[in-house]
Structure formats: C-alpha cells, structure tokens
Amino acid sequence: MITRALSRFDCQILEAANGQEGLAVAAREKPNLILLDVTMPVMDGMTMLAQLRANPETASIPVIMLTAESAQDNVAKADRLGIAAYIAKPFKEPHLIETVCAVVPLSPKAG
C-alpha cells in the first residue's frame, strides 16, 4: 500500500526486508525520509531507529513510524529518539500522504 500510495509522486522508493537491511540501505543511500515499522524481523524498528540516530551519517534523516504498536510507551520512546511522526495501523492512504508531505515535499509525477 505504501509503494502504491507514493508511486504517484516523483520520488524513489527503496525497500528493506528487515531492520538490519534497512540500516544498510539508509547508510548507503542517505534517503530523504524513512518509513519504519516497529515490528520487523532480525532487528525491530526501535533498535533500528536508535542505531540510525547514533550514526552521524543517518542521525538527521526524518523517520515516520508506521506501526500497529500504538501503546503510549512505544510512542514516547519513538518521540525520545526523534521521530518526525507516528502513524498507527491501520491507516488510510490519504493520511499517509498528508503525513509524508508534512515532513518532506512531494511533487506529483509529470504526465
């Protein structure tokens, strides 16, 4: 759903299968934004977020957490680690796009 929602915009979408792979992609590609789930195999999202923030090369990349883990302690922990936004699942596509656009500018694809 995320790829479909963002495919209408002029942006490159990179994917990772787990948190460890996500860290490697983030370090290599330096994306403008990371959409991150809390529950992932190999390395959970909170651990990945903490490691992103600990690395000077990825520390300033904005992160939007997308997760079914909407417990207040998870939100507070993510806030302490410096997220740009927290979206609880299930969410609607317009809400995702609105939140992403509030963090990074998106332009519709030409033609």
N, C-alpha and C. Protein backbone atom coordinates (compact mmCIF):
# COMPACT_ATOMS: atom_id res chain seq x y z
N MET A 1 0.81 -1.19 0.00
CA MET A 1 0.00 0.00 0.00
C MET A 1 0.86 1.27 0.00
N ILE A 2 1.96 1.25 0.74
CA ILE A 2 2.83 2.43 0.82
C ILE A 2 3.44 2.72 -0.54
N THR A 3 3.96 1.69 -1.18
CA THR A 3 4.57 1.88 -2.50
C THR A 3 3.54 2.41 -3.49
N ARG A 4 2.34 1.85 -3.46
CA ARG A 4 1.27 2.30 -4.36
C ARG A 4 0.92 3.76 -4.08
N ALA A 5 0.79 4.12 -2.81
CA ALA A 5 0.41 5.49 -2.44
C ALA A 5 1.46 6.50 -2.90
N LEU A 6 2.72 6.15 -2.76
CA LEU A 6 3.80 7.09 -3.09
C LEU A 6 4.22 7.02 -4.55
N SER A 7 3.76 6.01 -5.29
CA SER A 7 4.17 5.86 -6.69
C SER A 7 3.64 6.98 -7.57
N ARG A 8 2.66 7.73 -7.10
CA ARG A 8 2.11 8.86 -7.87
C ARG A 8 3.00 10.09 -7.80
N PHE A 9 4.02 10.02 -6.96
CA PHE A 9 4.88 11.17 -6.74
C PHE A 9 6.27 10.94 -7.33
N ASP A 10 6.95 12.03 -7.60
CA ASP A 10 8.29 11.98 -8.16
C ASP A 10 9.28 11.70 -7.04
N CYS A 11 9.38 10.41 -6.68
CA CYS A 11 10.30 10.01 -5.62
C CYS A 11 10.77 8.59 -5.89
N GLN A 12 11.92 8.29 -5.38
CA GLN A 12 12.46 6.94 -5.49
C GLN A 12 12.13 6.21 -4.20
N ILE A 13 11.61 5.00 -4.31
CA ILE A 13 11.23 4.21 -3.15
C ILE A 13 12.21 3.05 -3.03
N LEU A 14 12.85 2.97 -1.88
CA LEU A 14 13.78 1.89 -1.57
C LEU A 14 13.13 1.03 -0.49
N GLU A 15 13.32 -0.26 -0.56
CA GLU A 15 12.72 -1.15 0.43
C GLU A 15 13.78 -2.02 1.08
N ALA A 16 13.48 -2.43 2.31
CA ALA A 16 14.35 -3.35 3.03
C ALA A 16 13.46 -4.39 3.70
N ALA A 17 13.93 -5.62 3.78
CA ALA A 17 13.14 -6.72 4.32
C ALA A 17 13.14 -6.75 5.85
N ASN A 18 14.12 -6.11 6.46
CA ASN A 18 14.21 -6.12 7.92
C ASN A 18 15.03 -4.92 8.40
N GLY A 19 15.11 -4.75 9.70
CA GLY A 19 15.80 -3.60 10.26
C GLY A 19 17.29 -3.55 9.94
N GLN A 20 17.94 -4.68 9.97
CA GLN A 20 19.37 -4.73 9.67
C GLN A 20 19.63 -4.31 8.23
N GLU A 21 18.82 -4.82 7.32
CA GLU A 21 18.94 -4.43 5.90
C GLU A 21 18.59 -2.95 5.74
N GLY A 22 17.59 -2.49 6.48
CA GLY A 22 17.20 -1.09 6.43
C GLY A 22 18.32 -0.16 6.85
N LEU A 23 19.05 -0.53 7.88
CA LEU A 23 20.21 0.27 8.31
C LEU A 23 21.25 0.37 7.21
N ALA A 24 21.51 -0.74 6.55
CA ALA A 24 22.50 -0.76 5.47
C ALA A 24 22.05 0.12 4.31
N VAL A 25 20.76 0.02 3.95
CA VAL A 25 20.23 0.84 2.85
C VAL A 25 20.30 2.33 3.23
N ALA A 26 19.93 2.65 4.46
CA ALA A 26 19.96 4.05 4.91
C ALA A 26 21.37 4.61 4.88
N ALA A 27 22.33 3.83 5.34
CA ALA A 27 23.73 4.29 5.37
C ALA A 27 24.27 4.47 3.95
N ARG A 28 23.89 3.59 3.05
CA ARG A 28 24.38 3.64 1.67
C ARG A 28 23.69 4.73 0.86
N GLU A 29 22.38 4.85 0.98
CA GLU A 29 21.59 5.72 0.11
C GLU A 29 21.28 7.11 0.67
N LYS A 30 21.35 7.27 1.99
CA LYS A 30 21.02 8.55 2.65
C LYS A 30 19.68 9.10 2.16
N PRO A 31 18.58 8.37 2.40
CA PRO A 31 17.28 8.81 1.89
C PRO A 31 16.81 10.11 2.56
N ASN A 32 15.84 10.76 1.93
CA ASN A 32 15.25 11.98 2.48
C ASN A 32 14.27 11.68 3.59
N LEU A 33 13.78 10.44 3.65
CA LEU A 33 12.77 10.04 4.63
C LEU A 33 12.82 8.53 4.77
N ILE A 34 12.57 8.06 6.00
CA ILE A 34 12.45 6.63 6.25
C ILE A 34 11.09 6.37 6.87
N LEU A 35 10.34 5.42 6.28
CA LEU A 35 9.10 4.92 6.87
C LEU A 35 9.47 3.61 7.55
N LEU A 36 9.22 3.54 8.83
CA LEU A 36 9.77 2.45 9.63
C LEU A 36 8.70 1.80 10.49
N ASP A 37 8.61 0.48 10.42
CA ASP A 37 7.68 -0.27 11.27
C ASP A 37 8.40 -0.68 12.55
N VAL A 38 7.67 -0.77 13.64
CA VAL A 38 8.26 -1.22 14.90
C VAL A 38 8.53 -2.71 14.84
N THR A 39 7.60 -3.49 14.32
CA THR A 39 7.71 -4.94 14.31
C THR A 39 8.31 -5.40 12.98
N MET A 40 9.57 -5.82 13.05
CA MET A 40 10.28 -6.32 11.86
C MET A 40 11.15 -7.49 12.28
N PRO A 41 11.45 -8.38 11.33
CA PRO A 41 12.37 -9.48 11.66
C PRO A 41 13.81 -8.98 11.77
N VAL A 42 14.64 -9.77 12.37
CA VAL A 42 16.08 -9.57 12.54
C VAL A 42 16.38 -8.42 13.52
N MET A 43 15.87 -7.22 13.25
CA MET A 43 16.07 -6.07 14.12
C MET A 43 14.79 -5.26 14.14
N ASP A 44 14.24 -5.01 15.33
CA ASP A 44 12.99 -4.27 15.40
C ASP A 44 13.21 -2.79 15.08
N GLY A 45 12.11 -2.10 14.82
CA GLY A 45 12.18 -0.71 14.40
C GLY A 45 12.76 0.24 15.43
N MET A 46 12.48 0.01 16.70
CA MET A 46 13.03 0.89 17.74
C MET A 46 14.55 0.75 17.82
N THR A 47 15.05 -0.46 17.67
CA THR A 47 16.51 -0.68 17.66
C THR A 47 17.12 -0.03 16.43
N MET A 48 16.46 -0.20 15.28
CA MET A 48 16.96 0.43 14.06
C MET A 48 16.97 1.94 14.20
N LEU A 49 15.89 2.50 14.76
CA LEU A 49 15.82 3.95 14.95
C LEU A 49 16.94 4.44 15.86
N ALA A 50 17.19 3.73 16.95
CA ALA A 50 18.27 4.11 17.86
C ALA A 50 19.62 4.08 17.15
N GLN A 51 19.83 3.07 16.31
CA GLN A 51 21.09 2.97 15.58
C GLN A 51 21.21 4.04 14.50
N LEU A 52 20.09 4.38 13.86
CA LEU A 52 20.11 5.48 12.90
C LEU A 52 20.54 6.77 13.59
N ARG A 53 19.98 7.02 14.75
CA ARG A 53 20.28 8.25 15.49
C ARG A 53 21.71 8.27 16.04
N ALA A 54 22.28 7.10 16.30
CA ALA A 54 23.65 7.02 16.83
C ALA A 54 24.71 7.22 15.76
N ASN A 55 24.33 7.08 14.50
CA ASN A 55 25.26 7.23 13.38
C ASN A 55 25.18 8.66 12.85
N PRO A 56 26.26 9.44 12.91
CA PRO A 56 26.22 10.82 12.42
C PRO A 56 25.77 10.95 10.96
N GLU A 57 25.99 9.92 10.15
CA GLU A 57 25.61 9.99 8.74
C GLU A 57 24.11 9.78 8.51
N THR A 58 23.42 9.18 9.48
CA THR A 58 21.98 8.93 9.32
C THR A 58 21.15 9.60 10.41
N ALA A 59 21.79 10.25 11.35
CA ALA A 59 21.10 10.80 12.51
C ALA A 59 20.02 11.83 12.16
N SER A 60 20.22 12.57 11.09
CA SER A 60 19.28 13.64 10.76
C SER A 60 18.20 13.24 9.75
N ILE A 61 18.19 11.99 9.30
CA ILE A 61 17.18 11.54 8.35
C ILE A 61 15.83 11.48 9.08
N PRO A 62 14.81 12.17 8.57
CA PRO A 62 13.50 12.10 9.21
C PRO A 62 12.92 10.68 9.14
N VAL A 63 12.27 10.27 10.22
CA VAL A 63 11.67 8.94 10.30
C VAL A 63 10.20 9.07 10.68
N ILE A 64 9.35 8.39 9.93
CA ILE A 64 7.94 8.25 10.28
C ILE A 64 7.73 6.80 10.68
N MET A 65 7.26 6.59 11.89
CA MET A 65 6.97 5.24 12.36
C MET A 65 5.58 4.85 11.89
N LEU A 66 5.46 3.68 11.27
CA LEU A 66 4.20 3.10 10.84
C LEU A 66 4.04 1.80 11.60
N THR A 67 3.06 1.70 12.48
CA THR A 67 3.01 0.51 13.29
C THR A 67 1.66 0.24 13.94
N ALA A 68 1.43 -1.02 14.20
CA ALA A 68 0.26 -1.42 14.98
C ALA A 68 0.54 -1.27 16.47
N GLU A 69 1.80 -1.02 16.80
CA GLU A 69 2.22 -0.85 18.20
C GLU A 69 1.92 0.57 18.64
N SER A 70 0.68 0.85 18.98
CA SER A 70 0.31 2.23 19.33
C SER A 70 0.28 2.48 20.83
N ALA A 71 0.84 1.58 21.62
CA ALA A 71 0.89 1.78 23.07
C ALA A 71 1.66 3.07 23.38
N GLN A 72 1.21 3.77 24.40
CA GLN A 72 1.78 5.07 24.73
C GLN A 72 3.28 5.00 25.01
N ASP A 73 3.76 3.91 25.61
CA ASP A 73 5.20 3.81 25.89
C ASP A 73 6.01 3.70 24.60
N ASN A 74 5.45 3.04 23.57
CA ASN A 74 6.14 2.98 22.27
C ASN A 74 6.21 4.34 21.62
N VAL A 75 5.11 5.08 21.68
CA VAL A 75 5.07 6.43 21.11
C VAL A 75 6.09 7.32 21.83
N ALA A 76 6.12 7.24 23.15
CA ALA A 76 7.05 8.06 23.94
C ALA A 76 8.50 7.71 23.62
N LYS A 77 8.80 6.43 23.50
CA LYS A 77 10.17 6.01 23.18
C LYS A 77 10.57 6.50 21.80
N ALA A 78 9.67 6.37 20.82
CA ALA A 78 9.96 6.85 19.47
C ALA A 78 10.16 8.36 19.48
N ASP A 79 9.34 9.08 20.23
CA ASP A 79 9.50 10.54 20.34
C ASP A 79 10.87 10.90 20.92
N ARG A 80 11.29 10.18 21.94
CA ARG A 80 12.61 10.45 22.55
C ARG A 80 13.74 10.22 21.55
N LEU A 81 13.52 9.30 20.63
CA LEU A 81 14.54 9.01 19.62
C LEU A 81 14.44 9.94 18.41
N GLY A 82 13.49 10.85 18.44
CA GLY A 82 13.44 11.89 17.43
C GLY A 82 12.74 11.54 16.14
N ILE A 83 11.53 11.00 16.23
CA ILE A 83 10.78 10.72 15.00
C ILE A 83 10.08 11.99 14.53
N ALA A 84 9.76 12.01 13.25
CA ALA A 84 9.02 13.13 12.67
C ALA A 84 7.52 12.95 12.86
N ALA A 85 7.04 11.70 12.85
CA ALA A 85 5.62 11.41 13.02
C ALA A 85 5.46 9.94 13.37
N TYR A 86 4.29 9.62 13.91
CA TYR A 86 3.96 8.26 14.32
C TYR A 86 2.57 7.96 13.79
N ILE A 87 2.44 6.99 12.90
CA ILE A 87 1.14 6.63 12.32
C ILE A 87 0.78 5.22 12.79
N ALA A 88 -0.36 5.11 13.45
CA ALA A 88 -0.82 3.80 13.93
C ALA A 88 -1.58 3.07 12.82
N LYS A 89 -1.32 1.78 12.70
CA LYS A 89 -2.05 0.93 11.75
C LYS A 89 -3.36 0.51 12.40
N PRO A 90 -4.40 0.32 11.65
CA PRO A 90 -4.47 0.56 10.21
C PRO A 90 -4.62 2.06 9.94
N PHE A 91 -4.08 2.48 8.82
CA PHE A 91 -4.18 3.89 8.45
C PHE A 91 -4.69 3.96 7.02
N LYS A 92 -5.21 5.11 6.66
CA LYS A 92 -5.73 5.34 5.32
C LYS A 92 -4.65 6.02 4.47
N GLU A 93 -4.67 5.72 3.19
CA GLU A 93 -3.69 6.27 2.25
C GLU A 93 -3.61 7.80 2.30
N PRO A 94 -4.73 8.53 2.33
CA PRO A 94 -4.63 10.00 2.39
C PRO A 94 -3.88 10.49 3.64
N HIS A 95 -4.08 9.80 4.76
CA HIS A 95 -3.38 10.19 5.99
C HIS A 95 -1.87 9.97 5.84
N LEU A 96 -1.48 8.87 5.22
CA LEU A 96 -0.07 8.59 4.97
C LEU A 96 0.54 9.69 4.11
N ILE A 97 -0.11 10.01 3.00
CA ILE A 97 0.41 11.03 2.08
C ILE A 97 0.49 12.39 2.77
N GLU A 98 -0.53 12.74 3.52
CA GLU A 98 -0.54 14.02 4.24
C GLU A 98 0.62 14.09 5.23
N THR A 99 0.86 13.01 5.95
CA THR A 99 1.94 12.99 6.93
C THR A 99 3.30 13.06 6.25
N VAL A 100 3.49 12.29 5.19
CA VAL A 100 4.76 12.33 4.45
C VAL A 100 5.00 13.74 3.91
N CYS A 101 3.98 14.35 3.31
CA CYS A 101 4.13 15.69 2.75
C CYS A 101 4.43 16.75 3.81
N ALA A 102 4.00 16.50 5.04
CA ALA A 102 4.31 17.43 6.13
C ALA A 102 5.78 17.34 6.53
N VAL A 103 6.42 16.22 6.19
CA VAL A 103 7.82 16.01 6.57
C VAL A 103 8.77 16.34 5.43
N VAL A 104 8.44 15.89 4.23
CA VAL A 104 9.26 16.16 3.04
C VAL A 104 8.35 16.58 1.89
N PRO A 105 8.79 17.51 1.06
CA PRO A 105 7.95 17.92 -0.07
C PRO A 105 7.89 16.81 -1.12
N LEU A 106 6.69 16.57 -1.62
CA LEU A 106 6.50 15.59 -2.70
C LEU A 106 5.86 16.31 -3.88
N SER A 107 6.36 16.03 -5.06
CA SER A 107 5.79 16.59 -6.28
C SER A 107 5.15 15.46 -7.07
N PRO A 108 3.96 15.69 -7.63
CA PRO A 108 3.35 14.66 -8.47
C PRO A 108 4.23 14.37 -9.68
N LYS A 109 4.18 13.12 -10.13
CA LYS A 109 4.92 12.75 -11.34
C LYS A 109 4.37 13.51 -12.52
N ALA A 110 5.25 13.92 -13.40
CA ALA A 110 4.84 14.62 -14.62
C ALA A 110 4.16 13.64 -15.56
N GLY A 111 3.13 14.14 -16.23
CA GLY A 111 2.45 13.37 -17.27
C GLY A 111 1.69 12.27 -16.73
